[in-house]
C-alpha cells in the first residue's frame, strides 16, 4: 500500500499528468526533509501559512505559462 503524501502526488503529476508544468506542494511541515525531497524531485514548496502574495505569484506564473502553451 502506498501512502499518499504531497511528494508522492507531485511525483505522479510530474511523470504522468502534466509534464509541461512543474508541480508545487503546499505543506505545514517546515522540516529540512521535505525541502530536500522537493529539491531532489524538482518541484517547489510553499509553506503554510501561505502568504497571499506568494500564492498570487504562483498562480499568475502558472496561468501565464498555460496561456503561452
Protein backbone atom coordinates (compact mmCIF):
# COMPACT_ATOMS: atom_id res chain seq x y z
CA UNK A 1 0.00 0.00 0.00
CA UNK A 2 1.37 3.42 -0.98
CA UNK A 3 0.86 6.23 1.47
CA UNK A 4 -0.38 9.39 -0.25
CA UNK A 5 1.90 12.29 0.52
CA UNK A 6 2.46 15.61 -1.19
CA UNK A 7 5.74 14.40 -2.66
CA UNK A 8 4.04 11.23 -3.98
CA UNK A 9 1.36 13.34 -5.64
CA UNK A 10 3.91 15.74 -7.12
CA UNK A 11 5.93 12.83 -8.49
CA UNK A 12 2.82 11.34 -10.08
CA UNK A 13 1.82 14.68 -11.61
CA UNK A 14 5.29 15.32 -12.97
CA UNK A 15 5.59 11.89 -14.55
CA UNK A 16 2.10 11.22 -15.88
CA UNK A 17 -0.33 14.10 -15.72
CA UNK A 18 1.22 17.42 -16.64
CA UNK A 19 4.72 17.31 -18.00
CA UNK A 20 4.67 20.96 -19.09
CA UNK A 21 4.32 22.43 -15.58
CA UNK A 22 6.38 21.67 -12.51
CA UNK A 23 4.30 20.56 -9.55
CA UNK A 24 4.16 22.59 -6.37
CA UNK A 25 3.47 21.36 -2.88
CA UNK A 26 1.85 23.29 -0.04
CA UNK A 27 2.85 21.96 3.37
CA UNK A 28 2.83 22.87 7.04
CA UNK A 29 5.98 20.78 7.54
CA UNK A 30 8.91 23.14 7.97
CA UNK A 31 11.48 20.36 8.30
CA UNK A 32 14.52 20.01 6.10
CA UNK A 33 13.47 16.55 4.88
CA UNK A 34 10.50 17.94 2.93
CA UNK A 35 12.59 20.70 1.35
CA UNK A 36 15.35 18.28 0.40
CA UNK A 37 12.91 15.80 -1.15
CA UNK A 38 11.31 18.59 -3.16
CA UNK A 39 14.71 19.76 -4.38
CA UNK A 40 15.68 16.24 -5.46
CA UNK A 41 12.37 15.70 -7.27
CA UNK A 42 12.50 19.14 -8.88
CA UNK A 43 9.40 20.82 -7.54
CA UNK A 44 8.71 23.90 -5.46
CA UNK A 45 7.36 24.02 -1.92
CA UNK A 46 5.12 26.68 -0.41
CA UNK A 47 4.99 26.54 3.37
CA UNK A 48 1.83 27.15 5.37
CA UNK A 49 0.63 29.62 6.24
CA UNK A 50 0.89 30.67 2.61
CA UNK A 51 1.19 34.40 2.16
CA UNK A 52 -1.37 35.79 -0.30
CA UNK A 53 1.33 37.43 -2.42
CA UNK A 54 3.21 34.12 -2.77
CA UNK A 55 0.07 32.26 -3.82
CA UNK A 56 -0.92 35.04 -6.22
CA UNK A 57 2.56 34.95 -7.77
CA UNK A 58 2.47 31.18 -8.18
CA UNK A 59 -0.99 31.16 -9.75
CA UNK A 60 -0.10 34.08 -12.02
CA UNK A 61 3.03 32.31 -13.25
CA UNK A 62 1.11 29.08 -13.88
CA UNK A 63 -1.63 30.88 -15.77
CA UNK A 64 0.89 32.82 -17.86
CA UNK A 65 2.70 29.60 -18.76
CA UNK A 66 -0.58 27.85 -19.60
CA UNK A 67 -1.73 30.66 -21.87
CA UNK A 68 1.53 30.52 -23.84
CA UNK A 69 1.33 26.99 -24.41
